């Protein structure tokens, strides 16, 4: 029963890790980056502070993912 709970938490952490990675802005400098940059200038884009916060959050969620992965492997 407890292993099922840890597995469910692991799945939730995995989904939140995917979401935080997808929410971060890309570092593209090609044509699509210039189009997106123009749209951000007109409509207002993400601030740099938000990207930094998402980066830190991604690190913490990644550590939690690694810890739950190790717990599940050792618990076999």
PDB file of N, CA and C in Angstrom:
ATOM      1  N   UNK A   1       0.817  -1.192   0.000  1.00  0.00           N
ATOM      2  CA  UNK A   1       0.000   0.000   0.000  1.00  0.00           C
ATOM      3  C   UNK A   1       0.863   1.259   0.000  1.00  0.00           C
ATOM      4  N   UNK A   2       1.903   1.238   0.814  1.00  0.00           N
ATOM      5  CA  UNK A   2       2.785   2.401   0.875  1.00  0.00           C
ATOM      6  C   UNK A   2       3.575   2.563  -0.424  1.00  0.00           C
ATOM      7  N   UNK A   3       3.916   1.421  -1.054  1.00  0.00           N
ATOM      8  CA  UNK A   3       4.620   1.490  -2.330  1.00  0.00           C
ATOM      9  C   UNK A   3       3.734   2.115  -3.403  1.00  0.00           C
ATOM     10  N   UNK A   4       2.438   1.841  -3.355  1.00  0.00           N
ATOM     11  CA  UNK A   4       1.503   2.450  -4.296  1.00  0.00           C
ATOM     12  C   UNK A   4       1.415   3.950  -4.107  1.00  0.00           C
ATOM     13  N   UNK A   5       1.462   4.393  -2.850  1.00  0.00           N
ATOM     14  CA  UNK A   5       1.437   5.827  -2.563  1.00  0.00           C
ATOM     15  C   UNK A   5       2.690   6.516  -3.091  1.00  0.00           C
ATOM     16  N   UNK A   6       3.841   5.889  -2.882  1.00  0.00           N
ATOM     17  CA  UNK A   6       5.095   6.462  -3.388  1.00  0.00           C
ATOM     18  C   UNK A   6       5.091   6.485  -4.911  1.00  0.00           C
ATOM     19  N   UNK A   7       4.537   5.455  -5.528  1.00  0.00           N
ATOM     20  CA  UNK A   7       4.440   5.417  -6.992  1.00  0.00           C
ATOM     21  C   UNK A   7       3.530   6.529  -7.506  1.00  0.00           C
ATOM     22  N   UNK A   8       2.412   6.758  -6.831  1.00  0.00           N
ATOM     23  CA  UNK A   8       1.502   7.834  -7.240  1.00  0.00           C
ATOM     24  C   UNK A   8       2.168   9.200  -7.100  1.00  0.00           C
ATOM     25  N   UNK A   9       2.903   9.403  -6.012  1.00  0.00           N
ATOM     26  CA  UNK A   9       3.638  10.657  -5.824  1.00  0.00           C
ATOM     27  C   UNK A   9       4.705  10.810  -6.905  1.00  0.00           C
ATOM     28  N   UNK A  10       5.354   9.711  -7.252  1.00  0.00           N
ATOM     29  CA  UNK A  10       6.384   9.734  -8.296  1.00  0.00           C
ATOM     30  C   UNK A  10       5.792  10.148  -9.645  1.00  0.00           C
ATOM     31  N   UNK A  11       4.612   9.639  -9.958  1.00  0.00           N
ATOM     32  CA  UNK A  11       3.954   9.987 -11.218  1.00  0.00           C
ATOM     33  C   UNK A  11       3.575  11.471 -11.224  1.00  0.00           C
ATOM     34  N   UNK A  12       3.061  11.973 -10.102  1.00  0.00           N
ATOM     35  CA  UNK A  12       2.714  13.392 -10.019  1.00  0.00           C
ATOM     36  C   UNK A  12       3.955  14.279 -10.163  1.00  0.00           C
ATOM     37  N   UNK A  13       5.050  13.861  -9.555  1.00  0.00           N
ATOM     38  CA  UNK A  13       6.297  14.617  -9.682  1.00  0.00           C
ATOM     39  C   UNK A  13       6.781  14.595 -11.134  1.00  0.00           C
ATOM     40  N   UNK A  14       6.661  13.443 -11.789  1.00  0.00           N
ATOM     41  CA  UNK A  14       7.089  13.340 -13.188  1.00  0.00           C
ATOM     42  C   UNK A  14       6.269  14.267 -14.080  1.00  0.00           C
ATOM     43  N   UNK A  15       4.962  14.307 -13.864  1.00  0.00           N
ATOM     44  CA  UNK A  15       4.113  15.188 -14.668  1.00  0.00           C
ATOM     45  C   UNK A  15       4.416  16.663 -14.402  1.00  0.00           C
ATOM     46  N   UNK A  16       4.677  17.005 -13.137  1.00  0.00           N
ATOM     47  CA  UNK A  16       5.010  18.399 -12.838  1.00  0.00           C
ATOM     48  C   UNK A  16       6.376  18.765 -13.394  1.00  0.00           C
ATOM     49  N   UNK A  17       7.304  17.815 -13.447  1.00  0.00           N
ATOM     50  CA  UNK A  17       8.613  18.081 -14.057  1.00  0.00           C
ATOM     51  C   UNK A  17       8.469  18.353 -15.550  1.00  0.00           C
ATOM     52  N   UNK A  18       7.642  17.578 -16.214  1.00  0.00           N
ATOM     53  CA  UNK A  18       7.383  17.806 -17.638  1.00  0.00           C
ATOM     54  C   UNK A  18       6.755  19.180 -17.848  1.00  0.00           C
ATOM     55  N   UNK A  19       5.796  19.529 -17.007  1.00  0.00           N
ATOM     56  CA  UNK A  19       5.110  20.815 -17.152  1.00  0.00           C
ATOM     57  C   UNK A  19       6.065  21.990 -16.942  1.00  0.00           C
ATOM     58  N   UNK A  20       6.923  21.914 -15.928  1.00  0.00           N
ATOM     59  CA  UNK A  20       7.832  23.036 -15.680  1.00  0.00           C
ATOM     60  C   UNK A  20       8.864  23.168 -16.796  1.00  0.00           C
ATOM     61  N   UNK A  21       9.280  22.058 -17.369  1.00  0.00           N
ATOM     62  CA  UNK A  21      10.234  22.134 -18.481  1.00  0.00           C
ATOM     63  C   UNK A  21       9.568  22.759 -19.703  1.00  0.00           C
ATOM     64  N   UNK A  22       8.334  22.390 -19.968  1.00  0.00           N
ATOM     65  CA  UNK A  22       7.644  22.930 -21.139  1.00  0.00           C
ATOM     66  C   UNK A  22       7.264  24.396 -20.972  1.00  0.00           C
ATOM     67  N   UNK A  23       7.106  24.868 -19.750  1.00  0.00           N
ATOM     68  CA  UNK A  23       6.754  26.261 -19.518  1.00  0.00           C
ATOM     69  C   UNK A  23       7.928  27.212 -19.680  1.00  0.00           C
ATOM     70  N   UNK A  24       9.147  26.689 -19.647  1.00  0.00           N
ATOM     71  CA  UNK A  24      10.310  27.553 -19.777  1.00  0.00           C
ATOM     72  C   UNK A  24      10.459  28.015 -21.218  1.00  0.00           C
ATOM     73  N   UNK A  25      10.959  29.234 -21.370  1.00  0.00           N
ATOM     74  CA  UNK A  25      11.152  29.742 -22.729  1.00  0.00           C
ATOM     75  C   UNK A  25      12.421  29.147 -23.312  1.00  0.00           C
ATOM     76  N   UNK A  26      12.400  28.942 -24.618  1.00  0.00           N
ATOM     77  CA  UNK A  26      13.541  28.360 -25.292  1.00  0.00           C
ATOM     78  C   UNK A  26      14.640  29.375 -25.535  1.00  0.00           C
ATOM     79  N   UNK A  27      15.800  28.888 -25.880  1.00  0.00           N
ATOM     80  CA  UNK A  27      16.939  29.753 -26.156  1.00  0.00           C
ATOM     81  C   UNK A  27      17.192  29.863 -27.659  1.00  0.00           C
ATOM     82  N   UNK A  28      16.143  29.684 -28.466  1.00  0.00           N
ATOM     83  CA  UNK A  28      16.312  29.681 -29.911  1.00  0.00           C
ATOM     84  C   UNK A  28      16.631  31.081 -30.426  1.00  0.00           C
ATOM     85  N   UNK A  29      17.499  31.132 -31.404  1.00  0.00           N
ATOM     86  CA  UNK A  29      17.881  32.416 -31.991  1.00  0.00           C
ATOM     87  C   UNK A  29      17.623  32.422 -33.490  1.00  0.00           C
ATOM     88  N   UNK A  30      16.916  31.403 -33.964  1.00  0.00           N
ATOM     89  CA  UNK A  30      16.650  31.319 -35.393  1.00  0.00           C
ATOM     90  C   UNK A  30      15.441  32.145 -35.798  1.00  0.00           C
ATOM     91  N   UNK A  31      14.836  31.772 -36.914  1.00  0.00           N
ATOM     92  CA  UNK A  31      13.689  32.501 -37.435  1.00  0.00           C
ATOM     93  C   UNK A  31      12.500  32.435 -36.483  1.00  0.00           C
ATOM     94  N   UNK A  32      12.268  31.274 -35.908  1.00  0.00           N
ATOM     95  CA  UNK A  32      11.134  31.164 -34.987  1.00  0.00           C
ATOM     96  C   UNK A  32      11.378  31.985 -33.727  1.00  0.00           C
ATOM     97  N   UNK A  33      12.621  32.111 -33.306  1.00  0.00           N
ATOM     98  CA  UNK A  33      12.935  32.942 -32.155  1.00  0.00           C
ATOM     99  C   UNK A  33      12.702  34.411 -32.427  1.00  0.00           C
ATOM    100  N   UNK A  34      12.995  34.849 -33.651  1.00  0.00           N
ATOM    101  CA  UNK A  34      12.768  36.260 -33.972  1.00  0.00           C
ATOM    102  C   UNK A  34      11.284  36.566 -34.112  1.00  0.00           C
ATOM    103  N   UNK A  35      10.512  35.618 -34.625  1.00  0.00           N
ATOM    104  CA  UNK A  35       9.061  35.814 -34.718  1.00  0.00           C
ATOM    105  C   UNK A  35       8.460  35.866 -33.319  1.00  0.00           C
ATOM    106  N   UNK A  36       8.888  34.952 -32.463  1.00  0.00           N
ATOM    107  CA  UNK A  36       8.373  34.943 -31.093  1.00  0.00           C
ATOM    108  C   UNK A  36       8.799  36.201 -30.352  1.00  0.00           C
ATOM    109  N   UNK A  37      10.003  36.675 -30.620  1.00  0.00           N
ATOM    110  CA  UNK A  37      10.467  37.899 -29.970  1.00  0.00           C
ATOM    111  C   UNK A  37       9.640  39.102 -30.373  1.00  0.00           C
ATOM    112  N   UNK A  38       9.253  39.168 -31.627  1.00  0.00           N
ATOM    113  CA  UNK A  38       8.397  40.261 -32.081  1.00  0.00           C
ATOM    114  C   UNK A  38       7.024  40.201 -31.460  1.00  0.00           C
ATOM    115  N   UNK A  39       6.485  39.001 -31.318  1.00  0.00           N
ATOM    116  CA  UNK A  39       5.173  38.848 -30.698  1.00  0.00           C
ATOM    117  C   UNK A  39       5.224  39.219 -29.223  1.00  0.00           C
ATOM    118  N   UNK A  40       6.317  38.890 -28.559  1.00  0.00           N
ATOM    119  CA  UNK A  40       6.453  39.243 -27.148  1.00  0.00           C
ATOM    120  C   UNK A  40       6.558  40.750 -26.973  1.00  0.00           C
ATOM    121  N   UNK A  41       7.198  41.422 -27.937  1.00  0.00           N
ATOM    122  CA  UNK A  41       7.324  42.875 -27.835  1.00  0.00           C
ATOM    123  C   UNK A  41       5.968  43.552 -27.993  1.00  0.00           C
ATOM    124  N   UNK A  42       5.121  42.986 -28.839  1.00  0.00           N
ATOM    125  CA  UNK A  42       3.806  43.576 -29.076  1.00  0.00           C
ATOM    126  C   UNK A  42       2.833  43.226 -27.954  1.00  0.00           C
ATOM    127  N   UNK A  43       2.758  41.946 -27.622  1.00  0.00           N
ATOM    128  CA  UNK A  43       1.744  41.487 -26.678  1.00  0.00           C
ATOM    129  C   UNK A  43       2.261  41.358 -25.253  1.00  0.00           C
ATOM    130  N   UNK A  44       3.520  41.557 -25.025  1.00  0.00           N
ATOM    131  CA  UNK A  44       4.093  41.387 -23.688  1.00  0.00           C
ATOM    132  C   UNK A  44       4.450  39.939 -23.464  1.00  0.00           C
ATOM    133  N   UNK A  45       5.674  39.687 -23.074  1.00  0.00           N
ATOM    134  CA  UNK A  45       6.123  38.312 -22.914  1.00  0.00           C
ATOM    135  C   UNK A  45       6.487  38.003 -21.484  1.00  0.00           C
ATOM    136  N   UNK A  46       7.102  36.862 -21.333  1.00  0.00           N
ATOM    137  CA  UNK A  46       7.537  36.433 -20.012  1.00  0.00           C
ATOM    138  C   UNK A  46       8.679  37.321 -19.531  1.00  0.00           C
ATOM    139  N   UNK A  47       8.732  37.519 -18.272  1.00  0.00           N
ATOM    140  CA  UNK A  47       9.836  38.283 -17.716  1.00  0.00           C
ATOM    141  C   UNK A  47      10.985  37.345 -17.385  1.00  0.00           C
ATOM    142  N   UNK A  48      12.160  37.909 -17.244  1.00  0.00           N
ATOM    143  CA  UNK A  48      13.327  37.092 -16.941  1.00  0.00           C
ATOM    144  C   UNK A  48      13.213  36.470 -15.559  1.00  0.00           C
ATOM    145  N   UNK A  49      12.574  37.177 -14.636  1.00  0.00           N
ATOM    146  CA  UNK A  49      12.406  36.652 -13.286  1.00  0.00           C
ATOM    147  C   UNK A  49      11.584  35.376 -13.258  1.00  0.00           C
ATOM    148  N   UNK A  50      10.575  35.308 -14.112  1.00  0.00           N
ATOM    149  CA  UNK A  50       9.749  34.108 -14.176  1.00  0.00           C
ATOM    150  C   UNK A  50      10.560  32.927 -14.680  1.00  0.00           C
ATOM    151  N   UNK A  51      11.412  33.145 -15.671  1.00  0.00           N
ATOM    152  CA  UNK A  51      12.257  32.064 -16.174  1.00  0.00           C
ATOM    153  C   UNK A  51      13.223  31.579 -15.106  1.00  0.00           C
ATOM    154  N   UNK A  52      13.760  32.492 -14.313  1.00  0.00           N
ATOM    155  CA  UNK A  52      14.671  32.088 -13.242  1.00  0.00           C
ATOM    156  C   UNK A  52      13.949  31.274 -12.186  1.00  0.00           C
ATOM    157  N   UNK A  53      12.721  31.682 -11.838  1.00  0.00           N
ATOM    158  CA  UNK A  53      11.939  30.937 -10.852  1.00  0.00           C
ATOM    159  C   UNK A  53      11.579  29.552 -11.376  1.00  0.00           C
ATOM    160  N   UNK A  54      11.209  29.483 -12.655  1.00  0.00           N
ATOM    161  CA  UNK A  54      10.901  28.181 -13.244  1.00  0.00           C
ATOM    162  C   UNK A  54      12.139  27.286 -13.290  1.00  0.00           C
ATOM    163  N   UNK A  55      13.295  27.883 -13.514  1.00  0.00           N
ATOM    164  CA  UNK A  55      14.534  27.116 -13.516  1.00  0.00           C
ATOM    165  C   UNK A  55      14.840  26.519 -12.149  1.00  0.00           C
ATOM    166  N   UNK A  56      14.661  27.328 -11.108  1.00  0.00           N
ATOM    167  CA  UNK A  56      14.881  26.818  -9.743  1.00  0.00           C
ATOM    168  C   UNK A  56      13.864  25.742  -9.390  1.00  0.00           C
ATOM    169  N   UNK A  57      12.608  25.979  -9.759  1.00  0.00           N
ATOM    170  CA  UNK A  57      11.561  25.003  -9.480  1.00  0.00           C
ATOM    171  C   UNK A  57      11.848  23.684 -10.199  1.00  0.00           C
ATOM    172  N   UNK A  58      12.362  23.760 -11.416  1.00  0.00           N
ATOM    173  CA  UNK A  58      12.706  22.562 -12.171  1.00  0.00           C
ATOM    174  C   UNK A  58      13.798  21.775 -11.468  1.00  0.00           C
ATOM    175  N   UNK A  59      14.767  22.477 -10.904  1.00  0.00           N
ATOM    176  CA  UNK A  59      15.845  21.793 -10.177  1.00  0.00           C
ATOM    177  C   UNK A  59      15.291  21.055  -8.965  1.00  0.00           C
ATOM    178  N   UNK A  60      14.447  21.717  -8.194  1.00  0.00           N
ATOM    179  CA  UNK A  60      13.891  21.077  -7.002  1.00  0.00           C
ATOM    180  C   UNK A  60      13.000  19.886  -7.357  1.00  0.00           C
ATOM    181  N   UNK A  61      12.198  20.036  -8.394  1.00  0.00           N
ATOM    182  CA  UNK A  61      11.335  18.929  -8.812  1.00  0.00           C
ATOM    183  C   UNK A  61      12.183  17.784  -9.366  1.00  0.00           C
ATOM    184  N   UNK A  62      13.268  18.113 -10.063  1.00  0.00           N
ATOM    185  CA  UNK A  62      14.170  17.077 -10.570  1.00  0.00           C
ATOM    186  C   UNK A  62      14.830  16.295  -9.446  1.00  0.00           C
ATOM    187  N   UNK A  63      15.215  16.991  -8.382  1.00  0.00           N
ATOM    188  CA  UNK A  63      15.802  16.308  -7.225  1.00  0.00           C
ATOM    189  C   UNK A  63      14.767  15.400  -6.574  1.00  0.00           C
ATOM    190  N   UNK A  64      13.529  15.896  -6.429  1.00  0.00           N
ATOM    191  CA  UNK A  64      12.463  15.068  -5.854  1.00  0.00           C
ATOM    192  C   UNK A  64      12.197  13.842  -6.725  1.00  0.00           C
ATOM    193  N   UNK A  65      12.256  14.013  -8.030  1.00  0.00           N
ATOM    194  CA  UNK A  65      12.061  12.890  -8.948  1.00  0.00           C
ATOM    195  C   UNK A  65      13.158  11.847  -8.769  1.00  0.00           C
ATOM    196  N   UNK A  66      14.402  12.312  -8.636  1.00  0.00           N
ATOM    197  CA  UNK A  66      15.521  11.384  -8.439  1.00  0.00           C
ATOM    198  C   UNK A  66      15.394  10.640  -7.111  1.00  0.00           C
ATOM    199  N   UNK A  67      14.985  11.355  -6.075  1.00  0.00           N
ATOM    200  CA  UNK A  67      14.843  10.719  -4.761  1.00  0.00           C
ATOM    201  C   UNK A  67      13.744   9.657  -4.787  1.00  0.00           C
ATOM    202  N   UNK A  68      12.602   9.986  -5.362  1.00  0.00           N
ATOM    203  CA  UNK A  68      11.526   8.994  -5.416  1.00  0.00           C
ATOM    204  C   UNK A  68      11.901   7.821  -6.323  1.00  0.00           C
ATOM    205  N   UNK A  69      12.681   8.080  -7.362  1.00  0.00           N
ATOM    206  CA  UNK A  69      13.154   6.986  -8.219  1.00  0.00           C
ATOM    207  C   UNK A  69      14.052   6.039  -7.427  1.00  0.00           C
ATOM    208  N   UNK A  70      14.971   6.606  -6.661  1.00  0.00           N
ATOM    209  CA  UNK A  70      15.856   5.769  -5.850  1.00  0.00           C
ATOM    210  C   UNK A  70      15.088   4.994  -4.782  1.00  0.00           C
ATOM    211  N   UNK A  71      14.102   5.632  -4.170  1.00  0.00           N
ATOM    212  CA  UNK A  71      13.289   4.942  -3.162  1.00  0.00           C
ATOM    213  C   UNK A  71      12.563   3.769  -3.792  1.00  0.00           C
ATOM    214  N   UNK A  72      12.022   3.961  -4.969  1.00  0.00           N
ATOM    215  CA  UNK A  72      11.287   2.873  -5.629  1.00  0.00           C
ATOM    216  C   UNK A  72      12.219   1.744  -6.056  1.00  0.00           C
ATOM    217  N   UNK A  73      13.439   2.084  -6.458  1.00  0.00           N
ATOM    218  CA  UNK A  73      14.387   1.036  -6.881  1.00  0.00           C
ATOM    219  C   UNK A  73      14.877   0.245  -5.671  1.00  0.00           C
ATOM    220  N   UNK A  74      15.189   0.935  -4.588  1.00  0.00           N
ATOM    221  CA  UNK A  74      15.696   0.247  -3.405  1.00  0.00           C
ATOM    222  C   UNK A  74      14.589  -0.582  -2.754  1.00  0.00           C
ATOM    223  N   UNK A  75      13.349  -0.115  -2.850  1.00  0.00           N
ATOM    224  CA  UNK A  75      12.228  -0.751  -2.209  1.00  0.00           C
ATOM    225  C   UNK A  75      11.791  -2.041  -2.914  1.00  0.00           C
ATOM    226  N   UNK A  76      12.276  -2.306  -4.073  1.00  0.00           N
ATOM    227  CA  UNK A  76      11.896  -3.464  -4.855  1.00  0.00           C
ATOM    228  C   UNK A  76      11.658  -4.604  -3.962  1.00  0.00           C
TER     229      UNK A  76
END
